[in-house]
N, C-alpha and C. Protein backbone atom coordinates (compact mmCIF):
# COMPACT_ATOMS: atom_id res chain seq x y z
N UNK A 1 -1.84 27.17 -106.97
CA UNK A 1 -1.57 25.78 -107.27
C UNK A 1 -2.82 25.09 -107.77
N UNK A 2 -3.98 25.50 -107.27
CA UNK A 2 -5.21 24.84 -107.68
C UNK A 2 -5.58 25.16 -109.12
N UNK A 3 -5.14 26.31 -109.64
CA UNK A 3 -5.42 26.62 -111.03
C UNK A 3 -4.72 25.64 -111.96
N UNK A 4 -3.56 25.18 -111.59
CA UNK A 4 -2.83 24.23 -112.41
C UNK A 4 -3.49 22.86 -112.42
N UNK A 5 -4.37 22.61 -111.47
CA UNK A 5 -5.07 21.33 -111.40
C UNK A 5 -6.52 21.50 -111.82
N UNK A 6 -6.75 22.26 -112.86
CA UNK A 6 -8.10 22.54 -113.34
C UNK A 6 -8.84 21.30 -113.81
N UNK A 7 -8.14 20.27 -114.21
CA UNK A 7 -8.81 19.06 -114.67
C UNK A 7 -9.56 18.36 -113.54
N UNK A 8 -9.25 18.71 -112.29
CA UNK A 8 -9.94 18.11 -111.15
C UNK A 8 -11.26 18.79 -110.84
N UNK A 9 -11.56 19.91 -111.52
CA UNK A 9 -12.76 20.67 -111.22
C UNK A 9 -14.02 19.88 -111.53
N UNK A 10 -13.98 19.01 -112.52
CA UNK A 10 -15.15 18.23 -112.88
C UNK A 10 -15.42 17.06 -111.96
N UNK A 11 -14.49 16.72 -111.13
CA UNK A 11 -14.67 15.59 -110.22
C UNK A 11 -15.46 16.03 -109.00
N UNK A 12 -15.97 15.07 -108.27
CA UNK A 12 -16.70 15.40 -107.06
C UNK A 12 -15.74 16.01 -106.05
N UNK A 13 -16.22 16.92 -105.18
CA UNK A 13 -15.32 17.60 -104.25
C UNK A 13 -14.55 16.64 -103.34
N UNK A 14 -15.16 15.58 -102.90
CA UNK A 14 -14.49 14.64 -102.02
C UNK A 14 -13.36 13.92 -102.72
N UNK A 15 -13.58 13.55 -103.99
CA UNK A 15 -12.56 12.83 -104.74
C UNK A 15 -11.38 13.74 -105.07
N UNK A 16 -11.67 14.98 -105.50
CA UNK A 16 -10.57 15.89 -105.84
C UNK A 16 -9.77 16.27 -104.60
N UNK A 17 -10.44 16.42 -103.45
CA UNK A 17 -9.73 16.74 -102.22
C UNK A 17 -8.86 15.56 -101.79
N UNK A 18 -9.34 14.36 -102.00
CA UNK A 18 -8.55 13.17 -101.67
C UNK A 18 -7.31 13.07 -102.53
N UNK A 19 -7.45 13.39 -103.82
CA UNK A 19 -6.29 13.37 -104.72
C UNK A 19 -5.29 14.44 -104.31
N UNK A 20 -5.79 15.64 -103.99
CA UNK A 20 -4.89 16.71 -103.56
C UNK A 20 -4.17 16.36 -102.27
N UNK A 21 -4.89 15.75 -101.33
CA UNK A 21 -4.25 15.33 -100.09
C UNK A 21 -3.17 14.29 -100.35
N UNK A 22 -3.45 13.36 -101.26
CA UNK A 22 -2.46 12.34 -101.60
C UNK A 22 -1.22 12.96 -102.23
N UNK A 23 -1.43 13.92 -103.13
CA UNK A 23 -0.30 14.60 -103.77
C UNK A 23 0.51 15.37 -102.73
N UNK A 24 -0.18 16.05 -101.82
CA UNK A 24 0.52 16.80 -100.76
C UNK A 24 1.33 15.86 -99.88
N UNK A 25 0.75 14.72 -99.52
CA UNK A 25 1.47 13.76 -98.68
C UNK A 25 2.70 13.21 -99.40
N UNK A 26 2.54 12.91 -100.70
CA UNK A 26 3.67 12.41 -101.47
C UNK A 26 4.78 13.44 -101.57
N UNK A 27 4.40 14.70 -101.80
CA UNK A 27 5.41 15.77 -101.86
C UNK A 27 6.09 15.96 -100.51
N UNK A 28 5.30 15.91 -99.43
CA UNK A 28 5.90 16.03 -98.09
C UNK A 28 6.89 14.90 -97.83
N UNK A 29 6.51 13.68 -98.19
CA UNK A 29 7.42 12.54 -98.00
C UNK A 29 8.69 12.72 -98.83
N UNK A 30 8.52 13.15 -100.08
CA UNK A 30 9.67 13.35 -100.95
C UNK A 30 10.63 14.38 -100.37
N UNK A 31 10.08 15.52 -99.93
CA UNK A 31 10.95 16.57 -99.40
C UNK A 31 11.56 16.19 -98.05
N UNK A 32 10.85 15.40 -97.25
CA UNK A 32 11.44 14.91 -96.00
C UNK A 32 12.61 13.97 -96.28
N UNK A 33 12.45 13.09 -97.27
CA UNK A 33 13.54 12.19 -97.66
C UNK A 33 14.71 12.99 -98.21
N UNK A 34 14.41 13.98 -99.06
CA UNK A 34 15.45 14.83 -99.63
C UNK A 34 16.20 15.60 -98.54
N UNK A 35 15.46 16.14 -97.59
CA UNK A 35 16.09 16.87 -96.49
C UNK A 35 16.97 15.95 -95.65
N UNK A 36 16.48 14.78 -95.33
CA UNK A 36 17.27 13.82 -94.55
C UNK A 36 18.53 13.41 -95.28
N UNK A 37 18.41 13.18 -96.58
CA UNK A 37 19.58 12.79 -97.38
C UNK A 37 20.60 13.92 -97.43
N UNK A 38 20.13 15.14 -97.59
CA UNK A 38 21.03 16.29 -97.66
C UNK A 38 21.75 16.50 -96.33
N UNK A 39 21.03 16.38 -95.23
CA UNK A 39 21.64 16.54 -93.91
C UNK A 39 22.68 15.44 -93.69
N UNK A 40 22.36 14.21 -94.07
CA UNK A 40 23.30 13.10 -93.93
C UNK A 40 24.55 13.34 -94.78
N UNK A 41 24.36 13.78 -96.03
CA UNK A 41 25.49 14.04 -96.92
C UNK A 41 26.40 15.13 -96.36
N UNK A 42 25.80 16.22 -95.89
CA UNK A 42 26.61 17.32 -95.36
C UNK A 42 27.33 16.93 -94.07
N UNK A 43 26.69 16.11 -93.25
CA UNK A 43 27.34 15.63 -92.04
C UNK A 43 28.55 14.76 -92.38
N UNK A 44 28.37 13.86 -93.34
CA UNK A 44 29.49 13.00 -93.75
C UNK A 44 30.62 13.82 -94.38
N UNK A 45 30.25 14.84 -95.17
CA UNK A 45 31.26 15.71 -95.77
C UNK A 45 32.04 16.46 -94.70
N UNK A 46 31.35 16.95 -93.69
CA UNK A 46 32.03 17.65 -92.60
C UNK A 46 32.94 16.70 -91.83
N UNK A 47 32.50 15.46 -91.64
CA UNK A 47 33.36 14.48 -90.98
C UNK A 47 34.63 14.24 -91.80
N UNK A 48 34.49 14.17 -93.11
CA UNK A 48 35.65 13.99 -93.98
C UNK A 48 36.60 15.18 -93.88
N UNK A 49 36.06 16.37 -93.87
CA UNK A 49 36.90 17.58 -93.76
C UNK A 49 37.65 17.57 -92.43
N UNK A 50 36.99 17.16 -91.36
CA UNK A 50 37.64 17.10 -90.04
C UNK A 50 38.77 16.07 -90.05
N UNK A 51 38.54 14.91 -90.67
CA UNK A 51 39.58 13.87 -90.73
C UNK A 51 40.79 14.38 -91.53
N UNK A 52 40.54 15.05 -92.65
CA UNK A 52 41.63 15.59 -93.46
C UNK A 52 42.38 16.68 -92.68
N UNK A 53 41.65 17.51 -91.96
CA UNK A 53 42.30 18.56 -91.16
C UNK A 53 43.16 17.95 -90.06
N UNK A 54 42.67 16.88 -89.44
CA UNK A 54 43.46 16.22 -88.39
C UNK A 54 44.75 15.65 -88.97
N UNK A 55 44.64 14.98 -90.10
CA UNK A 55 45.84 14.41 -90.73
C UNK A 55 46.81 15.52 -91.11
N UNK A 56 46.27 16.64 -91.60
CA UNK A 56 47.13 17.76 -92.02
C UNK A 56 47.86 18.39 -90.85
N UNK A 57 47.14 18.67 -89.76
CA UNK A 57 47.85 19.34 -88.67
C UNK A 57 48.83 18.42 -87.97
N UNK A 58 48.58 17.12 -87.99
CA UNK A 58 49.57 16.20 -87.42
C UNK A 58 50.82 16.17 -88.29
N UNK A 59 50.63 16.06 -89.61
CA UNK A 59 51.78 16.02 -90.53
C UNK A 59 52.57 17.33 -90.49
N UNK A 60 51.86 18.45 -90.53
CA UNK A 60 52.54 19.75 -90.50
C UNK A 60 53.28 19.94 -89.18
N UNK A 61 52.65 19.53 -88.08
CA UNK A 61 53.29 19.66 -86.78
C UNK A 61 54.55 18.81 -86.67
N UNK A 62 54.49 17.58 -87.16
CA UNK A 62 55.67 16.71 -87.09
C UNK A 62 56.81 17.22 -87.97
N UNK A 63 56.47 17.65 -89.19
CA UNK A 63 57.51 18.20 -90.08
C UNK A 63 58.12 19.46 -89.47
N UNK A 64 57.26 20.31 -88.93
CA UNK A 64 57.75 21.53 -88.28
C UNK A 64 58.62 21.23 -87.09
N UNK A 65 58.24 20.23 -86.31
CA UNK A 65 59.03 19.85 -85.15
C UNK A 65 60.40 19.32 -85.56
N UNK A 66 60.43 18.51 -86.61
CA UNK A 66 61.71 18.00 -87.11
C UNK A 66 62.59 19.15 -87.61
N UNK A 67 62.01 20.07 -88.37
CA UNK A 67 62.79 21.20 -88.87
C UNK A 67 63.30 22.08 -87.73
N UNK A 68 62.47 22.28 -86.74
CA UNK A 68 62.82 23.16 -85.63
C UNK A 68 63.92 22.53 -84.75
N UNK A 69 63.73 21.26 -84.38
CA UNK A 69 64.67 20.63 -83.46
C UNK A 69 65.98 20.22 -84.12
N UNK A 70 65.96 19.99 -85.42
CA UNK A 70 67.20 19.62 -86.10
C UNK A 70 68.01 20.84 -86.55
N UNK A 71 67.46 22.02 -86.36
CA UNK A 71 68.09 23.28 -86.75
C UNK A 71 68.31 23.39 -88.25
N UNK A 72 67.57 22.63 -89.03
CA UNK A 72 67.65 22.78 -90.49
C UNK A 72 67.02 24.11 -90.88
N UNK A 73 65.86 24.37 -90.33
CA UNK A 73 65.17 25.63 -90.56
C UNK A 73 64.33 25.94 -89.32
N UNK A 74 64.97 26.46 -88.28
CA UNK A 74 64.26 26.61 -87.00
C UNK A 74 63.10 27.60 -87.05
N UNK A 75 63.23 28.67 -87.79
CA UNK A 75 62.16 29.66 -87.83
C UNK A 75 60.95 29.12 -88.59
N UNK A 76 61.20 28.49 -89.72
CA UNK A 76 60.11 27.89 -90.49
C UNK A 76 59.47 26.75 -89.69
N UNK A 77 60.29 25.94 -89.04
CA UNK A 77 59.76 24.84 -88.24
C UNK A 77 58.89 25.32 -87.09
N UNK A 78 59.36 26.39 -86.41
CA UNK A 78 58.57 26.94 -85.32
C UNK A 78 57.24 27.49 -85.83
N UNK A 79 57.28 28.13 -86.99
CA UNK A 79 56.04 28.64 -87.59
C UNK A 79 55.08 27.52 -87.97
N UNK A 80 55.65 26.42 -88.47
CA UNK A 80 54.80 25.28 -88.84
C UNK A 80 54.17 24.65 -87.60
N UNK A 81 54.91 24.56 -86.52
CA UNK A 81 54.36 24.01 -85.28
C UNK A 81 53.25 24.92 -84.75
N UNK A 82 53.48 26.23 -84.78
CA UNK A 82 52.45 27.17 -84.33
C UNK A 82 51.21 27.07 -85.22
N UNK A 83 51.42 26.97 -86.52
CA UNK A 83 50.29 26.82 -87.43
C UNK A 83 49.53 25.53 -87.21
N UNK A 84 50.26 24.45 -86.92
CA UNK A 84 49.61 23.17 -86.65
C UNK A 84 48.78 23.23 -85.37
N UNK A 85 49.31 23.91 -84.36
CA UNK A 85 48.55 24.05 -83.11
C UNK A 85 47.29 24.87 -83.35
N UNK A 86 47.41 25.95 -84.10
CA UNK A 86 46.24 26.77 -84.42
C UNK A 86 45.22 25.98 -85.24
N UNK A 87 45.70 25.22 -86.21
CA UNK A 87 44.82 24.38 -87.02
C UNK A 87 44.11 23.33 -86.16
N UNK A 88 44.84 22.75 -85.21
CA UNK A 88 44.26 21.74 -84.33
C UNK A 88 43.15 22.34 -83.47
N UNK A 89 43.40 23.52 -82.92
CA UNK A 89 42.40 24.16 -82.07
C UNK A 89 41.14 24.47 -82.87
N UNK A 90 41.30 25.04 -84.05
CA UNK A 90 40.15 25.42 -84.87
C UNK A 90 39.38 24.19 -85.34
N UNK A 91 40.08 23.18 -85.83
CA UNK A 91 39.38 22.00 -86.36
C UNK A 91 38.70 21.21 -85.26
N UNK A 92 39.32 21.10 -84.10
CA UNK A 92 38.68 20.37 -83.00
C UNK A 92 37.49 21.14 -82.43
N UNK A 93 37.59 22.46 -82.39
CA UNK A 93 36.45 23.27 -81.96
C UNK A 93 35.30 23.12 -82.95
N UNK A 94 35.61 23.14 -84.23
CA UNK A 94 34.57 22.96 -85.25
C UNK A 94 33.95 21.58 -85.15
N UNK A 95 34.77 20.57 -84.87
CA UNK A 95 34.24 19.21 -84.75
C UNK A 95 33.28 19.12 -83.56
N UNK A 96 33.63 19.76 -82.46
CA UNK A 96 32.76 19.70 -81.28
C UNK A 96 31.48 20.50 -81.47
N UNK A 97 31.57 21.62 -82.16
CA UNK A 97 30.41 22.48 -82.33
C UNK A 97 29.47 22.03 -83.45
N UNK A 98 30.02 21.52 -84.53
CA UNK A 98 29.21 21.26 -85.72
C UNK A 98 28.76 19.81 -85.88
N UNK A 99 29.49 18.88 -85.32
CA UNK A 99 29.10 17.48 -85.46
C UNK A 99 28.18 17.08 -84.31
N UNK A 100 27.20 16.23 -84.62
CA UNK A 100 26.26 15.80 -83.56
C UNK A 100 26.90 14.85 -82.57
C-alpha cells in the first residue's frame, strides 16, 4: 500500500505518517458505517421475510381448514393445514434464532 503513496516520500516522516493515519481512520470509519448499514439492511430484510411467512402460513392454514372441514377437498385441506403448521414452526424458530 505504501508503494502507491510514493508522492508522500518527499514529505517529512511525521507529516506523511499523520496523513496515513488520517486515511486509515477515514477508511475505518467508512467500513464501520458500511458494515452497520449492511447489518441493519439484512436485519430489516429478515424481518420482512418473517412477516410474509407469518401471513402465508396463516392464510394457507385457514384455507386448508376451510377445505378440510367443509369436505370440499379434505385431503388437500389436511395437507395444507399440515404444511401451514410446518411453515409456522420453521419461521418462528428462524425468527427466534436469527433476529436480535
